[in-house]
Structure formats: structure tokens, C-alpha cells
Amino acid sequence: MDHRYDRLLLVAQASAGVAALAVMSLYPPAEGRILLVPMVDRDVNATARVALSAGATLLGAGPLRGSLVVVGSRARLAAQRRPWRMLMLAAPPAGCGSPSRQAAVA
């Protein structure tokens, strides 16, 4: 029996599991806190205009330059933004804003 093949298969499965968890943790919720990260224009005002035109509520600045944490609908935000110009990611409480401020919004 070839144990190198078994080890390689185990590493591949573990890597696929870690990648799946990473993608799921970054995928924005249908409704809730979303981190908007501009890819081209790092102007926070342009990011805010997109968020407000989609009916989202601004929570504050995100961890990256020009990014914002908003509360809104993923579908409405996706309809307002141009593809490849702005990323929408899940906004985890640990990385975006203070817990007391987020608890007041939620």
C-alpha cells in the first residue's frame, strides 16, 4: 500500500475544507453587516454613495482605506455596484467597528 498517496489525499481534503471555510466566512450575508471594499477608486465618498443608493445604513469605516461597514441587503448592494470595482465581504465583529456600536444596530 502506498502511504504517500494516502497522505497526499489527506492533505488535499484538508486544504479543500480550509478553503471552503475561508470562502464561507467571507461571503456576505443576504441581510446584515457587509464590508464594502473599493478595488479601483479608494474614495470613501464614492463607496458611501453606492451604499446609500442601495438603502444601506452606514456603520463606519472599514479596516482598509476607502472601505465601509454597512447594514443592508446584499442583493440591493450588488445591483448598485459595478462588478470588479467593489468587493462585498462579511463584516466580522472582531475586525470591523466596536462591539457596543454593532450591538446597538443589530
PDB file of N, CA and C in Angstrom:
ATOM      1  N   MET A   1       0.848  -1.173   0.000  1.00  0.00           N
ATOM      2  CA  MET A   1       0.000   0.000   0.000  1.00  0.00           C
ATOM      3  C   MET A   1       0.897   1.241   0.000  1.00  0.00           C
ATOM      4  N   ASP A   2       0.542   2.213  -0.818  1.00  0.00           N
ATOM      5  CA  ASP A   2       1.349   3.423  -0.952  1.00  0.00           C
ATOM      6  C   ASP A   2       0.835   4.486   0.013  1.00  0.00           C
ATOM      7  N   HIS A   3       1.616   4.749   1.064  1.00  0.00           N
ATOM      8  CA  HIS A   3       1.186   5.707   2.089  1.00  0.00           C
ATOM      9  C   HIS A   3       1.374   7.150   1.631  1.00  0.00           C
ATOM     10  N   ARG A   4       2.258   7.373   0.652  1.00  0.00           N
ATOM     11  CA  ARG A   4       2.425   8.734   0.130  1.00  0.00           C
ATOM     12  C   ARG A   4       1.146   9.209  -0.548  1.00  0.00           C
ATOM     13  N   TYR A   5       0.480   8.328  -1.283  1.00  0.00           N
ATOM     14  CA  TYR A   5      -0.775   8.673  -1.945  1.00  0.00           C
ATOM     15  C   TYR A   5      -1.849   8.989  -0.901  1.00  0.00           C
ATOM     16  N   ASP A   6      -1.911   8.194   0.166  1.00  0.00           N
ATOM     17  CA  ASP A   6      -2.884   8.434   1.234  1.00  0.00           C
ATOM     18  C   ASP A   6      -2.633   9.776   1.911  1.00  0.00           C
ATOM     19  N   ARG A   7      -1.374  10.081   2.159  1.00  0.00           N
ATOM     20  CA  ARG A   7      -1.020  11.344   2.798  1.00  0.00           C
ATOM     21  C   ARG A   7      -1.371  12.520   1.891  1.00  0.00           C
ATOM     22  N   LEU A   8      -1.088  12.387   0.596  1.00  0.00           N
ATOM     23  CA  LEU A   8      -1.409  13.436  -0.367  1.00  0.00           C
ATOM     24  C   LEU A   8      -2.917  13.661  -0.447  1.00  0.00           C
ATOM     25  N   LEU A   9      -3.681  12.597  -0.429  1.00  0.00           N
ATOM     26  CA  LEU A   9      -5.140  12.696  -0.458  1.00  0.00           C
ATOM     27  C   LEU A   9      -5.663  13.385   0.803  1.00  0.00           C
ATOM     28  N   LEU A  10      -5.089  13.055   1.948  1.00  0.00           N
ATOM     29  CA  LEU A  10      -5.492  13.684   3.206  1.00  0.00           C
ATOM     30  C   LEU A  10      -5.185  15.182   3.189  1.00  0.00           C
ATOM     31  N   VAL A  11      -4.016  15.562   2.699  1.00  0.00           N
ATOM     32  CA  VAL A  11      -3.647  16.975   2.616  1.00  0.00           C
ATOM     33  C   VAL A  11      -4.574  17.715   1.656  1.00  0.00           C
ATOM     34  N   ALA A  12      -4.906  17.092   0.532  1.00  0.00           N
ATOM     35  CA  ALA A  12      -5.817  17.720  -0.436  1.00  0.00           C
ATOM     36  C   ALA A  12      -7.199  17.925   0.161  1.00  0.00           C
ATOM     37  N   GLN A  13      -7.701  16.945   0.896  1.00  0.00           N
ATOM     38  CA  GLN A  13      -9.014  17.071   1.522  1.00  0.00           C
ATOM     39  C   GLN A  13      -9.011  18.137   2.604  1.00  0.00           C
ATOM     40  N   ALA A  14      -7.975  18.179   3.398  1.00  0.00           N
ATOM     41  CA  ALA A  14      -7.881  19.197   4.448  1.00  0.00           C
ATOM     42  C   ALA A  14      -7.779  20.587   3.840  1.00  0.00           C
ATOM     43  N   SER A  15      -7.010  20.733   2.766  1.00  0.00           N
ATOM     44  CA  SER A  15      -6.886  22.028   2.087  1.00  0.00           C
ATOM     45  C   SER A  15      -8.220  22.478   1.508  1.00  0.00           C
ATOM     46  N   ALA A  16      -8.954  21.558   0.916  1.00  0.00           N
ATOM     47  CA  ALA A  16     -10.267  21.899   0.367  1.00  0.00           C
ATOM     48  C   ALA A  16     -11.217  22.334   1.481  1.00  0.00           C
ATOM     49  N   GLY A  17     -11.156  21.664   2.617  1.00  0.00           N
ATOM     50  CA  GLY A  17     -12.008  22.044   3.752  1.00  0.00           C
ATOM     51  C   GLY A  17     -11.667  23.421   4.290  1.00  0.00           C
ATOM     52  N   VAL A  18     -10.387  23.733   4.424  1.00  0.00           N
ATOM     53  CA  VAL A  18      -9.967  25.041   4.914  1.00  0.00           C
ATOM     54  C   VAL A  18     -10.370  26.126   3.919  1.00  0.00           C
ATOM     55  N   ALA A  19     -10.186  25.867   2.627  1.00  0.00           N
ATOM     56  CA  ALA A  19     -10.576  26.846   1.606  1.00  0.00           C
ATOM     57  C   ALA A  19     -12.082  27.092   1.631  1.00  0.00           C
ATOM     58  N   ALA A  20     -12.868  26.048   1.795  1.00  0.00           N
ATOM     59  CA  ALA A  20     -14.327  26.196   1.850  1.00  0.00           C
ATOM     60  C   ALA A  20     -14.742  27.026   3.062  1.00  0.00           C
ATOM     61  N   LEU A  21     -14.120  26.784   4.209  1.00  0.00           N
ATOM     62  CA  LEU A  21     -14.441  27.563   5.403  1.00  0.00           C
ATOM     63  C   LEU A  21     -14.051  29.026   5.237  1.00  0.00           C
ATOM     64  N   ALA A  22     -12.925  29.275   4.591  1.00  0.00           N
ATOM     65  CA  ALA A  22     -12.494  30.658   4.365  1.00  0.00           C
ATOM     66  C   ALA A  22     -13.476  31.390   3.456  1.00  0.00           C
ATOM     67  N   VAL A  23     -13.908  30.737   2.389  1.00  0.00           N
ATOM     68  CA  VAL A  23     -14.861  31.359   1.472  1.00  0.00           C
ATOM     69  C   VAL A  23     -16.188  31.612   2.169  1.00  0.00           C
ATOM     70  N   MET A  24     -16.657  30.649   2.949  1.00  0.00           N
ATOM     71  CA  MET A  24     -17.939  30.812   3.637  1.00  0.00           C
ATOM     72  C   MET A  24     -17.875  31.923   4.679  1.00  0.00           C
ATOM     73  N   SER A  25     -16.733  32.102   5.306  1.00  0.00           N
ATOM     74  CA  SER A  25     -16.639  33.152   6.323  1.00  0.00           C
ATOM     75  C   SER A  25     -16.543  34.540   5.696  1.00  0.00           C
ATOM     76  N   LEU A  26     -16.121  34.633   4.457  1.00  0.00           N
ATOM     77  CA  LEU A  26     -16.014  35.923   3.787  1.00  0.00           C
ATOM     78  C   LEU A  26     -17.253  36.282   2.969  1.00  0.00           C
ATOM     79  N   TYR A  27     -18.122  35.303   2.683  1.00  0.00           N
ATOM     80  CA  TYR A  27     -19.307  35.548   1.856  1.00  0.00           C
ATOM     81  C   TYR A  27     -20.293  36.417   2.637  1.00  0.00           C
ATOM     82  N   PRO A  28     -20.735  37.529   2.037  1.00  0.00           N
ATOM     83  CA  PRO A  28     -21.621  38.438   2.775  1.00  0.00           C
ATOM     84  C   PRO A  28     -23.002  37.830   3.007  1.00  0.00           C
ATOM     85  N   PRO A  29     -23.635  38.177   4.127  1.00  0.00           N
ATOM     86  CA  PRO A  29     -24.982  37.668   4.409  1.00  0.00           C
ATOM     87  C   PRO A  29     -26.007  38.308   3.475  1.00  0.00           C
ATOM     88  N   ALA A  30     -27.161  37.673   3.330  1.00  0.00           N
ATOM     89  CA  ALA A  30     -28.233  38.234   2.499  1.00  0.00           C
ATOM     90  C   ALA A  30     -28.700  39.572   3.065  1.00  0.00           C
ATOM     91  N   GLU A  31     -28.772  39.673   4.367  1.00  0.00           N
ATOM     92  CA  GLU A  31     -29.127  40.912   5.081  1.00  0.00           C
ATOM     93  C   GLU A  31     -28.213  41.021   6.292  1.00  0.00           C
ATOM     94  N   GLY A  32     -27.692  42.192   6.530  1.00  0.00           N
ATOM     95  CA  GLY A  32     -26.873  42.384   7.721  1.00  0.00           C
ATOM     96  C   GLY A  32     -25.639  43.210   7.450  1.00  0.00           C
ATOM     97  N   ARG A  33     -24.614  43.018   8.286  1.00  0.00           N
ATOM     98  CA  ARG A  33     -23.368  43.787   8.179  1.00  0.00           C
ATOM     99  C   ARG A  33     -22.549  43.318   6.994  1.00  0.00           C
ATOM    100  N   ILE A  34     -22.201  44.239   6.141  1.00  0.00           N
ATOM    101  CA  ILE A  34     -21.416  43.936   4.946  1.00  0.00           C
ATOM    102  C   ILE A  34     -20.267  44.929   4.865  1.00  0.00           C
ATOM    103  N   LEU A  35     -19.090  44.429   4.551  1.00  0.00           N
ATOM    104  CA  LEU A  35     -17.915  45.270   4.350  1.00  0.00           C
ATOM    105  C   LEU A  35     -17.783  45.549   2.861  1.00  0.00           C
ATOM    106  N   LEU A  36     -17.817  46.823   2.493  1.00  0.00           N
ATOM    107  CA  LEU A  36     -17.643  47.230   1.093  1.00  0.00           C
ATOM    108  C   LEU A  36     -16.206  47.691   0.913  1.00  0.00           C
ATOM    109  N   VAL A  37     -15.482  47.043   0.002  1.00  0.00           N
ATOM    110  CA  VAL A  37     -14.082  47.359  -0.244  1.00  0.00           C
ATOM    111  C   VAL A  37     -13.924  47.775  -1.705  1.00  0.00           C
ATOM    112  N   PRO A  38     -13.643  49.063  -1.955  1.00  0.00           N
ATOM    113  CA  PRO A  38     -13.454  49.503  -3.333  1.00  0.00           C
ATOM    114  C   PRO A  38     -12.134  48.969  -3.888  1.00  0.00           C
ATOM    115  N   MET A  39     -12.137  48.524  -5.138  1.00  0.00           N
ATOM    116  CA  MET A  39     -10.945  47.961  -5.754  1.00  0.00           C
ATOM    117  C   MET A  39     -10.191  48.974  -6.614  1.00  0.00           C
ATOM    118  N   VAL A  40     -10.893  49.920  -7.210  1.00  0.00           N
ATOM    119  CA  VAL A  40     -10.259  50.866  -8.127  1.00  0.00           C
ATOM    120  C   VAL A  40     -10.098  52.223  -7.469  1.00  0.00           C
ATOM    121  N   ASP A  41     -11.205  52.847  -7.135  1.00  0.00           N
ATOM    122  CA  ASP A  41     -11.196  54.175  -6.538  1.00  0.00           C
ATOM    123  C   ASP A  41     -11.318  54.022  -5.028  1.00  0.00           C
ATOM    124  N   ARG A  42     -10.312  54.413  -4.283  1.00  0.00           N
ATOM    125  CA  ARG A  42     -10.316  54.250  -2.823  1.00  0.00           C
ATOM    126  C   ARG A  42     -11.008  55.405  -2.113  1.00  0.00           C
ATOM    127  N   ASP A  43     -11.875  56.124  -2.814  1.00  0.00           N
ATOM    128  CA  ASP A  43     -12.585  57.263  -2.239  1.00  0.00           C
ATOM    129  C   ASP A  43     -13.753  56.758  -1.397  1.00  0.00           C
ATOM    130  N   VAL A  44     -13.714  57.051  -0.099  1.00  0.00           N
ATOM    131  CA  VAL A  44     -14.764  56.597   0.804  1.00  0.00           C
ATOM    132  C   VAL A  44     -16.105  57.243   0.455  1.00  0.00           C
ATOM    133  N   ASN A  45     -16.082  58.434  -0.123  1.00  0.00           N
ATOM    134  CA  ASN A  45     -17.333  59.091  -0.508  1.00  0.00           C
ATOM    135  C   ASN A  45     -18.037  58.334  -1.627  1.00  0.00           C
ATOM    136  N   ALA A  46     -17.272  57.808  -2.584  1.00  0.00           N
ATOM    137  CA  ALA A  46     -17.871  57.015  -3.666  1.00  0.00           C
ATOM    138  C   ALA A  46     -18.468  55.727  -3.102  1.00  0.00           C
ATOM    139  N   THR A  47     -17.783  55.117  -2.156  1.00  0.00           N
ATOM    140  CA  THR A  47     -18.297  53.902  -1.519  1.00  0.00           C
ATOM    141  C   THR A  47     -19.578  54.204  -0.750  1.00  0.00           C
ATOM    142  N   ALA A  48     -19.609  55.333  -0.057  1.00  0.00           N
ATOM    143  CA  ALA A  48     -20.800  55.726   0.700  1.00  0.00           C
ATOM    144  C   ALA A  48     -21.973  56.001  -0.237  1.00  0.00           C
ATOM    145  N   ARG A  49     -21.716  56.624  -1.373  1.00  0.00           N
ATOM    146  CA  ARG A  49     -22.807  56.894  -2.335  1.00  0.00           C
ATOM    147  C   ARG A  49     -23.436  55.593  -2.833  1.00  0.00           C
ATOM    148  N   VAL A  50     -22.608  54.599  -3.127  1.00  0.00           N
ATOM    149  CA  VAL A  50     -23.129  53.303  -3.572  1.00  0.00           C
ATOM    150  C   VAL A  50     -23.985  52.683  -2.469  1.00  0.00           C
ATOM    151  N   ALA A  51     -23.477  52.706  -1.237  1.00  0.00           N
ATOM    152  CA  ALA A  51     -24.212  52.104  -0.121  1.00  0.00           C
ATOM    153  C   ALA A  51     -25.541  52.811   0.125  1.00  0.00           C
ATOM    154  N   LEU A  52     -25.515  54.128   0.156  1.00  0.00           N
ATOM    155  CA  LEU A  52     -26.741  54.884   0.422  1.00  0.00           C
ATOM    156  C   LEU A  52     -27.749  54.740  -0.708  1.00  0.00           C
ATOM    157  N   SER A  53     -27.286  54.663  -1.954  1.00  0.00           N
ATOM    158  CA  SER A  53     -28.220  54.488  -3.070  1.00  0.00           C
ATOM    159  C   SER A  53     -28.885  53.111  -3.040  1.00  0.00           C
ATOM    160  N   ALA A  54     -28.267  52.153  -2.333  1.00  0.00           N
ATOM    161  CA  ALA A  54     -28.858  50.822  -2.190  1.00  0.00           C
ATOM    162  C   ALA A  54     -29.711  50.718  -0.921  1.00  0.00           C
ATOM    163  N   GLY A  55     -29.850  51.823  -0.185  1.00  0.00           N
ATOM    164  CA  GLY A  55     -30.675  51.820   1.019  1.00  0.00           C
ATOM    165  C   GLY A  55     -29.971  51.258   2.240  1.00  0.00           C
ATOM    166  N   ALA A  56     -28.656  51.147   2.213  1.00  0.00           N
ATOM    167  CA  ALA A  56     -27.914  50.606   3.346  1.00  0.00           C
ATOM    168  C   ALA A  56     -27.661  51.694   4.386  1.00  0.00           C
ATOM    169  N   THR A  57     -27.451  51.278   5.616  1.00  0.00           N
ATOM    170  CA  THR A  57     -27.111  52.171   6.718  1.00  0.00           C
ATOM    171  C   THR A  57     -25.607  52.104   6.938  1.00  0.00           C
ATOM    172  N   LEU A  58     -24.970  53.261   7.013  1.00  0.00           N
ATOM    173  CA  LEU A  58     -23.525  53.301   7.226  1.00  0.00           C
ATOM    174  C   LEU A  58     -23.220  53.094   8.709  1.00  0.00           C
ATOM    175  N   LEU A  59     -22.299  52.159   9.007  1.00  0.00           N
ATOM    176  CA  LEU A  59     -21.872  51.935  10.389  1.00  0.00           C
ATOM    177  C   LEU A  59     -20.561  52.640  10.692  1.00  0.00           C
ATOM    178  N   GLY A  60     -19.658  52.650   9.737  1.00  0.00           N
ATOM    179  CA  GLY A  60     -18.370  53.285   9.970  1.00  0.00           C
ATOM    180  C   GLY A  60     -17.333  52.831   8.970  1.00  0.00           C
ATOM    181  N   ALA A  61     -16.121  53.317   9.174  1.00  0.00           N
ATOM    182  CA  ALA A  61     -15.018  52.976   8.279  1.00  0.00           C
ATOM    183  C   ALA A  61     -14.608  51.522   8.479  1.00  0.00           C
ATOM    184  N   GLY A  62     -14.223  50.896   7.391  1.00  0.00           N
ATOM    185  CA  GLY A  62     -13.723  49.531   7.445  1.00  0.00           C
ATOM    186  C   GLY A  62     -12.231  49.514   7.719  1.00  0.00           C
ATOM    187  N   PRO A  63     -11.638  48.330   7.766  1.00  0.00           N
ATOM    188  CA  PRO A  63     -10.220  48.217   8.092  1.00  0.00           C
ATOM    189  C   PRO A  63      -9.285  48.624   6.955  1.00  0.00           C
ATOM    190  N   LEU A  64      -9.791  48.705   5.732  1.00  0.00           N
ATOM    191  CA  LEU A  64      -8.971  49.077   4.576  1.00  0.00           C
ATOM    192  C   LEU A  64      -9.320  50.483   4.120  1.00  0.00           C
ATOM    193  N   ARG A  65      -8.373  51.153   3.478  1.00  0.00           N
ATOM    194  CA  ARG A  65      -8.594  52.525   3.015  1.00  0.00           C
ATOM    195  C   ARG A  65      -9.760  52.573   2.026  1.00  0.00           C
ATOM    196  N   GLY A  66     -10.726  53.452   2.293  1.00  0.00           N
ATOM    197  CA  GLY A  66     -11.882  53.620   1.428  1.00  0.00           C
ATOM    198  C   GLY A  66     -13.005  52.643   1.686  1.00  0.00           C
ATOM    199  N   SER A  67     -12.811  51.686   2.585  1.00  0.00           N
ATOM    200  CA  SER A  67     -13.846  50.676   2.834  1.00  0.00           C
ATOM    201  C   SER A  67     -14.819  51.160   3.904  1.00  0.00           C
ATOM    202  N   LEU A  68     -16.027  50.624   3.844  1.00  0.00           N
ATOM    203  CA  LEU A  68     -17.076  50.976   4.794  1.00  0.00           C
ATOM    204  C   LEU A  68     -17.784  49.724   5.283  1.00  0.00           C
ATOM    205  N   VAL A  69     -18.222  49.757   6.526  1.00  0.00           N
ATOM    206  CA  VAL A  69     -19.091  48.718   7.064  1.00  0.00           C
ATOM    207  C   VAL A  69     -20.502  49.271   7.021  1.00  0.00           C
ATOM    208  N   VAL A  70     -21.400  48.521   6.394  1.00  0.00           N
ATOM    209  CA  VAL A  70     -22.785  48.958   6.247  1.00  0.00           C
ATOM    210  C   VAL A  70     -23.716  47.838   6.707  1.00  0.00           C
ATOM    211  N   VAL A  71     -24.955  48.204   6.961  1.00  0.00           N
ATOM    212  CA  VAL A  71     -26.014  47.226   7.217  1.00  0.00           C
ATOM    213  C   VAL A  71     -26.994  47.377   6.068  1.00  0.00           C
ATOM    214  N   GLY A  72     -27.194  46.296   5.341  1.00  0.00           N
ATOM    215  CA  GLY A  72     -28.092  46.381   4.197  1.00  0.00           C
ATOM    216  C   GLY A  72     -28.322  45.035   3.556  1.00  0.00           C
ATOM    217  N   SER A  73     -28.891  45.086   2.366  1.00  0.00           N
ATOM    218  CA  SER A  73     -29.233  43.902   1.600  1.00  0.00           C
ATOM    219  C   SER A  73     -28.148  43.623   0.558  1.00  0.00           C
ATOM    220  N   ARG A  74     -27.644  42.389   0.548  1.00  0.00           N
ATOM    221  CA  ARG A  74     -26.619  42.001  -0.422  1.00  0.00           C
ATOM    222  C   ARG A  74     -27.124  42.182  -1.847  1.00  0.00           C
ATOM    223  N   ALA A  75     -28.368  41.812  -2.121  1.00  0.00           N
ATOM    224  CA  ALA A  75     -28.910  41.912  -3.477  1.00  0.00           C
ATOM    225  C   ALA A  75     -29.013  43.372  -3.934  1.00  0.00           C
ATOM    226  N   ARG A  76     -29.473  44.238  -3.045  1.00  0.00           N
ATOM    227  CA  ARG A  76     -29.597  45.658  -3.420  1.00  0.00           C
ATOM    228  C   ARG A  76     -28.230  46.301  -3.619  1.00  0.00           C
ATOM    229  N   LEU A  77     -27.268  45.945  -2.775  1.00  0.00           N
ATOM    230  CA  LEU A  77     -25.912  46.473  -2.939  1.00  0.00           C
ATOM    231  C   LEU A  77     -25.268  45.958  -4.226  1.00  0.00           C
ATOM    232  N   ALA A  78     -25.491  44.685  -4.528  1.00  0.00           N
ATOM    233  CA  ALA A  78     -24.922  44.108  -5.750  1.00  0.00           C
ATOM    234  C   ALA A  78     -25.500  44.774  -7.000  1.00  0.00           C
ATOM    235  N   ALA A  79     -26.754  45.167  -6.923  1.00  0.00           N
ATOM    236  CA  ALA A  79     -27.378  45.824  -8.079  1.00  0.00           C
ATOM    237  C   ALA A  79     -26.818  47.232  -8.296  1.00  0.00           C
ATOM    238  N   GLN A  80     -26.341  47.884  -7.245  1.00  0.00           N
ATOM    239  CA  GLN A  80     -25.838  49.257  -7.348  1.00  0.00           C
ATOM    240  C   GLN A  80     -24.361  49.341  -7.724  1.00  0.00           C
ATOM    241  N   ARG A  81     -23.598  48.326  -7.382  1.00  0.00           N
ATOM    242  CA  ARG A  81     -22.159  48.410  -7.635  1.00  0.00           C
ATOM    243  C   ARG A  81     -21.816  47.853  -9.014  1.00  0.00           C
ATOM    244  N   ARG A  82     -20.681  48.264  -9.510  1.00  0.00           N
ATOM    245  CA  ARG A  82     -20.180  47.715 -10.768  1.00  0.00           C
ATOM    246  C   ARG A  82     -19.265  46.537 -10.451  1.00  0.00           C
ATOM    247  N   PRO A  83     -19.439  45.436 -11.167  1.00  0.00           N
ATOM    248  CA  PRO A  83     -18.568  44.277 -10.901  1.00  0.00           C
ATOM    249  C   PRO A  83     -17.094  44.646 -11.068  1.00  0.00           C
ATOM    250  N   TRP A  84     -16.260  44.047 -10.267  1.00  0.00           N
ATOM    251  CA  TRP A  84     -14.805  44.222 -10.253  1.00  0.00           C
ATOM    252  C   TRP A  84     -14.367  45.596  -9.755  1.00  0.00           C
ATOM    253  N   ARG A  85     -15.294  46.457  -9.347  1.00  0.00           N
ATOM    254  CA  ARG A  85     -14.911  47.759  -8.811  1.00  0.00           C
ATOM    255  C   ARG A  85     -15.049  47.806  -7.293  1.00  0.00           C
ATOM    256  N   MET A  86     -15.871  46.897  -6.735  1.00  0.00           N
ATOM    257  CA  MET A  86     -16.089  46.892  -5.297  1.00  0.00           C
ATOM    258  C   MET A  86     -16.375  45.468  -4.836  1.00  0.00           C
ATOM    259  N   LEU A  87     -15.698  45.049  -3.793  1.00  0.00           N
ATOM    260  CA  LEU A  87     -15.947  43.742  -3.186  1.00  0.00           C
ATOM    261  C   LEU A  87     -16.936  43.883  -2.036  1.00  0.00           C
ATOM    262  N   MET A  88     -17.771  42.880  -1.890  1.00  0.00           N
ATOM    263  CA  MET A  88     -18.663  42.798  -0.737  1.00  0.00           C
ATOM    264  C   MET A  88     -18.228  41.587   0.072  1.00  0.00           C
ATOM    265  N   LEU A  89     -17.896  41.810   1.330  1.00  0.00           N
ATOM    266  CA  LEU A  89     -17.454  40.735   2.208  1.00  0.00           C
ATOM    267  C   LEU A  89     -18.253  40.761   3.498  1.00  0.00           C
ATOM    268  N   ALA A  90     -18.279  39.638   4.186  1.00  0.00           N
ATOM    269  CA  ALA A  90     -18.891  39.605   5.509  1.00  0.00           C
ATOM    270  C   ALA A  90     -18.065  40.489   6.434  1.00  0.00           C
ATOM    271  N   ALA A  91     -18.728  41.216   7.287  1.00  0.00           N
ATOM    272  CA  ALA A  91     -18.038  42.115   8.223  1.00  0.00           C
ATOM    273  C   ALA A  91     -18.059  41.485   9.601  1.00  0.00           C
ATOM    274  N   PRO A  92     -17.010  40.745   9.970  1.00  0.00           N
ATOM    275  CA  PRO A  92     -16.990  40.113  11.289  1.00  0.00           C
ATOM    276  C   PRO A  92     -16.860  41.153  12.390  1.00  0.00           C
ATOM    277  N   PRO A  93     -17.515  40.953  13.523  1.00  0.00           N
ATOM    278  CA  PRO A  93     -17.460  41.932  14.605  1.00  0.00           C
ATOM    279  C   PRO A  93     -16.040  42.206  15.090  1.00  0.00           C
ATOM    280  N   ALA A  94     -15.161  41.221  15.063  1.00  0.00           N
ATOM    281  CA  ALA A  94     -13.803  41.409  15.578  1.00  0.00           C
ATOM    282  C   ALA A  94     -12.989  42.366  14.720  1.00  0.00           C
ATOM    283  N   GLY A  95     -13.266  42.435  13.422  1.00  0.00           N
ATOM    284  CA  GLY A  95     -12.441  43.243  12.545  1.00  0.00           C
ATOM    285  C   GLY A  95     -13.030  44.571  12.149  1.00  0.00           C
ATOM    286  N   CYS A  96     -14.300  44.792  12.414  1.00  0.00           N
ATOM    287  CA  CYS A  96     -14.957  45.990  11.891  1.00  0.00           C
ATOM    288  C   CYS A  96     -15.832  46.648  12.951  1.00  0.00           C
ATOM    289  N   GLY A  97     -15.397  47.760  13.461  1.00  0.00           N
ATOM    290  CA  GLY A  97     -16.218  48.514  14.401  1.00  0.00           C
ATOM    291  C   GLY A  97     -16.106  47.978  15.817  1.00  0.00           C
ATOM    292  N   SER A  98     -16.754  48.670  16.723  1.00  0.00           N
ATOM    293  CA  SER A  98     -16.713  48.250  18.130  1.00  0.00           C
ATOM    294  C   SER A  98     -17.941  47.408  18.444  1.00  0.00           C
ATOM    295  N   PRO A  99     -17.828  46.430  19.342  1.00  0.00           N
ATOM    296  CA  PRO A  99     -18.965  45.567  19.670  1.00  0.00           C
ATOM    297  C   PRO A  99     -20.167  46.330  20.199  1.00  0.00           C
ATOM    298  N   SER A 100     -19.962  47.375  21.008  1.00  0.00           N
ATOM    299  CA  SER A 100     -21.100  48.097  21.566  1.00  0.00           C
ATOM    300  C   SER A 100     -21.875  48.818  20.472  1.00  0.00           C
ATOM    301  N   ARG A 101     -21.175  49.375  19.508  1.00  0.00           N
ATOM    302  CA  ARG A 101     -21.837  50.063  18.404  1.00  0.00           C
ATOM    303  C   ARG A 101     -22.593  49.087  17.526  1.00  0.00           C
ATOM    304  N   GLN A 102     -22.002  47.905  17.289  1.00  0.00           N
ATOM    305  CA  GLN A 102     -22.665  46.907  16.463  1.00  0.00           C
ATOM    306  C   GLN A 102     -23.866  46.323  17.176  1.00  0.00           C
ATOM    307  N   ALA A 103     -23.806  46.163  18.475  1.00  0.00           N
ATOM    308  CA  ALA A 103     -24.932  45.621  19.223  1.00  0.00           C
ATOM    309  C   ALA A 103     -26.119  46.570  19.183  1.00  0.00           C
ATOM    310  N   ALA A 104     -25.839  47.870  19.156  1.00  0.00           N
ATOM    311  CA  ALA A 104     -26.913  48.864  19.101  1.00  0.00           C
ATOM    312  C   ALA A 104     -27.630  48.821  17.767  1.00  0.00           C
ATOM    313  N   VAL A 105     -26.905  48.471  16.686  1.00  0.00           N
ATOM    314  CA  VAL A 105     -27.503  48.431  15.349  1.00  0.00           C
ATOM    315  C   VAL A 105     -28.257  47.129  15.138  1.00  0.00           C
ATOM    316  N   ALA A 106     -27.721  46.035  15.645  1.00  0.00           N
ATOM    317  CA  ALA A 106     -28.308  44.704  15.396  1.00  0.00           C
ATOM    318  C   ALA A 106     -29.618  44.489  16.096  1.00  0.00           C
TER     319      ALA A 106
END
